[in-house]
């Protein structure tokens, strides 16, 4: 009553590998999304820095308009 299922082992292994590949693809997609989020955060930080520079420039200009103060 010994049955040889060795031929099925390769097929089952291929199915498992396919699932693993799908999981890896999903992980890669998640990593890409995280990278995009980080890029967006960096852009926001740059915008904030630019706003601060503009405010400082305006403050300096306003101070130079009133030299007595």
C-alpha atoms as a PDB file:
ATOM      1  CA  UNK A   1       0.000   0.000   0.000  1.00  0.00           C
ATOM      2  CA  UNK A   2       2.938   2.326  -0.367  1.00  0.00           C
ATOM      3  CA  UNK A   3       2.070   5.059  -2.769  1.00  0.00           C
ATOM      4  CA  UNK A   4       4.600   7.256  -4.465  1.00  0.00           C
ATOM      5  CA  UNK A   5       3.706  10.907  -4.008  1.00  0.00           C
ATOM      6  CA  UNK A   6       7.163  12.171  -4.854  1.00  0.00           C
ATOM      7  CA  UNK A   7       5.929  13.477  -8.185  1.00  0.00           C
ATOM      8  CA  UNK A   8       3.399  15.652  -6.356  1.00  0.00           C
ATOM      9  CA  UNK A   9       6.086  17.075  -4.075  1.00  0.00           C
ATOM     10  CA  UNK A  10       7.567  19.149  -6.859  1.00  0.00           C
ATOM     11  CA  UNK A  11       4.182  20.511  -7.834  1.00  0.00           C
ATOM     12  CA  UNK A  12       3.239  21.387  -4.265  1.00  0.00           C
ATOM     13  CA  UNK A  13       6.619  23.043  -3.848  1.00  0.00           C
ATOM     14  CA  UNK A  14       5.944  25.168  -6.911  1.00  0.00           C
ATOM     15  CA  UNK A  15       2.619  26.281  -5.457  1.00  0.00           C
ATOM     16  CA  UNK A  16       4.311  27.220  -2.181  1.00  0.00           C
ATOM     17  CA  UNK A  17       7.006  29.100  -4.062  1.00  0.00           C
ATOM     18  CA  UNK A  18       4.321  30.995  -5.934  1.00  0.00           C
ATOM     19  CA  UNK A  19       2.721  32.048  -2.662  1.00  0.00           C
ATOM     20  CA  UNK A  20       6.091  33.121  -1.309  1.00  0.00           C
ATOM     21  CA  UNK A  21       6.754  35.146  -4.443  1.00  0.00           C
ATOM     22  CA  UNK A  22       3.381  36.849  -4.049  1.00  0.00           C
ATOM     23  CA  UNK A  23       4.209  37.687  -0.434  1.00  0.00           C
ATOM     24  CA  UNK A  24       7.580  39.075  -1.513  1.00  0.00           C
ATOM     25  CA  UNK A  25       5.899  41.220  -4.168  1.00  0.00           C
ATOM     26  CA  UNK A  26       3.478  42.561  -1.568  1.00  0.00           C
ATOM     27  CA  UNK A  27       6.378  43.379   0.757  1.00  0.00           C
ATOM     28  CA  UNK A  28       8.147  45.202  -2.077  1.00  0.00           C
ATOM     29  CA  UNK A  29       4.999  47.212  -2.785  1.00  0.00           C
ATOM     30  CA  UNK A  30       4.763  48.141   0.892  1.00  0.00           C
ATOM     31  CA  UNK A  31       8.412  49.221   0.897  1.00  0.00           C
ATOM     32  CA  UNK A  32       7.783  51.391  -2.161  1.00  0.00           C
ATOM     33  CA  UNK A  33       4.781  52.987  -0.453  1.00  0.00           C
ATOM     34  CA  UNK A  34       6.907  53.711   2.618  1.00  0.00           C
ATOM     35  CA  UNK A  35       9.592  55.281   0.436  1.00  0.00           C
ATOM     36  CA  UNK A  36       6.971  57.480  -1.218  1.00  0.00           C
ATOM     37  CA  UNK A  37       5.673  58.559   2.181  1.00  0.00           C
ATOM     38  CA  UNK A  38       9.214  59.434   3.266  1.00  0.00           C
ATOM     39  CA  UNK A  39       9.713  61.477   0.101  1.00  0.00           C
ATOM     40  CA  UNK A  40       6.476  63.346   0.779  1.00  0.00           C
ATOM     41  CA  UNK A  41       7.593  64.073   4.340  1.00  0.00           C
ATOM     42  CA  UNK A  42      10.907  65.399   3.040  1.00  0.00           C
ATOM     43  CA  UNK A  43       9.080  67.640   0.567  1.00  0.00           C
ATOM     44  CA  UNK A  44       6.903  68.978   3.378  1.00  0.00           C
ATOM     45  CA  UNK A  45       9.987  69.687   5.489  1.00  0.00           C
ATOM     46  CA  UNK A  46      11.560  71.560   2.580  1.00  0.00           C
ATOM     47  CA  UNK A  47       8.390  73.618   2.140  1.00  0.00           C
ATOM     48  CA  UNK A  48       8.415  74.477   5.844  1.00  0.00           C
ATOM     49  CA  UNK A  49      12.060  75.536   5.632  1.00  0.00           C
ATOM     50  CA  UNK A  50      11.258  77.767   2.663  1.00  0.00           C
ATOM     51  CA  UNK A  51       8.364  79.344   4.566  1.00  0.00           C
ATOM     52  CA  UNK A  52      10.650  80.007   7.539  1.00  0.00           C
ATOM     53  CA  UNK A  53      13.236  81.611   5.268  1.00  0.00           C
ATOM     54  CA  UNK A  54      10.558  83.834   3.744  1.00  0.00           C
ATOM     55  CA  UNK A  55       9.333  84.885   7.183  1.00  0.00           C
ATOM     56  CA  UNK A  56      12.865  85.693   8.312  1.00  0.00           C
ATOM     57  CA  UNK A  57      13.459  87.683   5.150  1.00  0.00           C
ATOM     58  CA  UNK A  58      10.224  89.628   5.650  1.00  0.00           C
ATOM     59  CA  UNK A  59      11.116  90.286   9.284  1.00  0.00           C
ATOM     60  CA  UNK A  60      14.546  91.582   8.302  1.00  0.00           C
ATOM     61  CA  UNK A  61      13.019  93.817   5.642  1.00  0.00           C
ATOM     62  CA  UNK A  62      10.432  95.124   8.094  1.00  0.00           C
ATOM     63  CA  UNK A  63      13.164  95.803  10.654  1.00  0.00           C
ATOM     64  CA  UNK A  64      15.231  97.673   8.076  1.00  0.00           C
ATOM     65  CA  UNK A  65      12.202  99.848   7.253  1.00  0.00           C
ATOM     66  CA  UNK A  66      12.158 100.970  10.896  1.00  0.00           C
ATOM     67  CA  UNK A  67      15.784 101.656  11.788  1.00  0.00           C
ATOM     68  CA  UNK A  68      14.858 103.444  15.029  1.00  0.00           C
ATOM     69  CA  UNK A  69      13.343 100.350  16.587  1.00  0.00           C
END
